[in-house]
């Protein structure tokens, strides 16, 4: 599980099985407020959990660079 940290907010990348493949799941958590701010699931299925995780990490990195 990879993560990006910004004060009280933290983003996580995880994988989940779906329809015979794997998807990445990005979750933005506000630990101070104890709530999930946003969750995203890839529309694309990947053959392995590692491939989904790598794609999710790339997406999180790209989103972090957009600020």
Protein backbone atom coordinates (compact mmCIF):
# COMPACT_ATOMS: atom_id res chain seq x y z
CA UNK A 1 0.00 0.00 0.00
CA UNK A 2 1.46 3.33 -1.04
CA UNK A 3 0.46 6.66 0.39
CA UNK A 4 0.94 10.38 0.09
CA UNK A 5 0.91 12.53 3.20
CA UNK A 6 -0.15 16.18 3.54
CA UNK A 7 -0.73 17.19 7.16
CA UNK A 8 -3.96 15.67 8.40
CA UNK A 9 -4.89 14.37 4.94
CA UNK A 10 -3.47 11.12 3.67
CA UNK A 11 -4.01 9.34 0.35
CA UNK A 12 -3.74 5.56 0.01
CA UNK A 13 -3.47 3.27 -3.00
CA UNK A 14 -4.84 -0.24 -2.64
CA UNK A 15 -5.97 -2.95 -5.02
CA UNK A 16 -9.14 -5.01 -5.18
CA UNK A 17 -10.29 -7.97 -7.25
CA UNK A 18 -13.01 -7.25 -9.76
CA UNK A 19 -14.43 -9.31 -12.63
CA UNK A 20 -11.46 -11.68 -12.88
CA UNK A 21 -8.90 -8.87 -12.73
CA UNK A 22 -7.73 -6.15 -10.40
CA UNK A 23 -8.46 -2.44 -10.01
CA UNK A 24 -6.70 0.29 -8.07
CA UNK A 25 -8.53 2.18 -5.35
CA UNK A 26 -7.41 5.65 -4.23
CA UNK A 27 -8.75 6.87 -0.89
CA UNK A 28 -8.23 10.34 0.61
CA UNK A 29 -8.68 10.26 4.40
CA UNK A 30 -8.90 13.22 6.78
CA UNK A 31 -7.61 11.77 10.04
CA UNK A 32 -8.39 14.87 12.06
CA UNK A 33 -12.06 14.81 11.04
CA UNK A 34 -12.04 10.99 10.98
CA UNK A 35 -13.71 10.78 7.59
CA UNK A 36 -13.09 9.68 4.04
CA UNK A 37 -12.97 12.75 1.82
CA UNK A 38 -12.87 11.01 -1.54
CA UNK A 39 -12.49 7.55 -3.06
CA UNK A 40 -11.75 6.66 -6.68
CA UNK A 41 -11.74 3.28 -8.42
CA UNK A 42 -10.10 2.65 -11.77
CA UNK A 43 -12.39 1.86 -14.67
CA UNK A 44 -9.71 -0.33 -16.21
CA UNK A 45 -9.10 -3.93 -15.07
CA UNK A 46 -5.49 -5.10 -14.73
CA UNK A 47 -4.21 -8.67 -15.02
CA UNK A 48 -2.33 -8.60 -11.70
CA UNK A 49 -2.56 -6.78 -8.38
CA UNK A 50 0.97 -5.43 -8.94
CA UNK A 51 -0.01 -3.90 -12.28
CA UNK A 52 -3.07 -2.26 -10.70
CA UNK A 53 -0.98 -0.96 -7.78
CA UNK A 54 1.65 0.50 -10.12
CA UNK A 55 -1.03 2.25 -12.18
CA UNK A 56 -2.68 3.58 -9.00
CA UNK A 57 0.65 4.89 -7.71
CA UNK A 58 1.26 6.60 -11.05
CA UNK A 59 -2.21 8.19 -10.90
CA UNK A 60 -1.64 9.40 -7.32
CA UNK A 61 1.73 10.86 -8.26
CA UNK A 62 0.23 12.66 -11.27
CA UNK A 63 -2.57 14.07 -9.12
CA UNK A 64 -0.04 15.27 -6.53
CA UNK A 65 1.94 17.04 -9.25
CA UNK A 66 -1.20 18.83 -10.52
CA UNK A 67 -1.44 21.04 -7.46
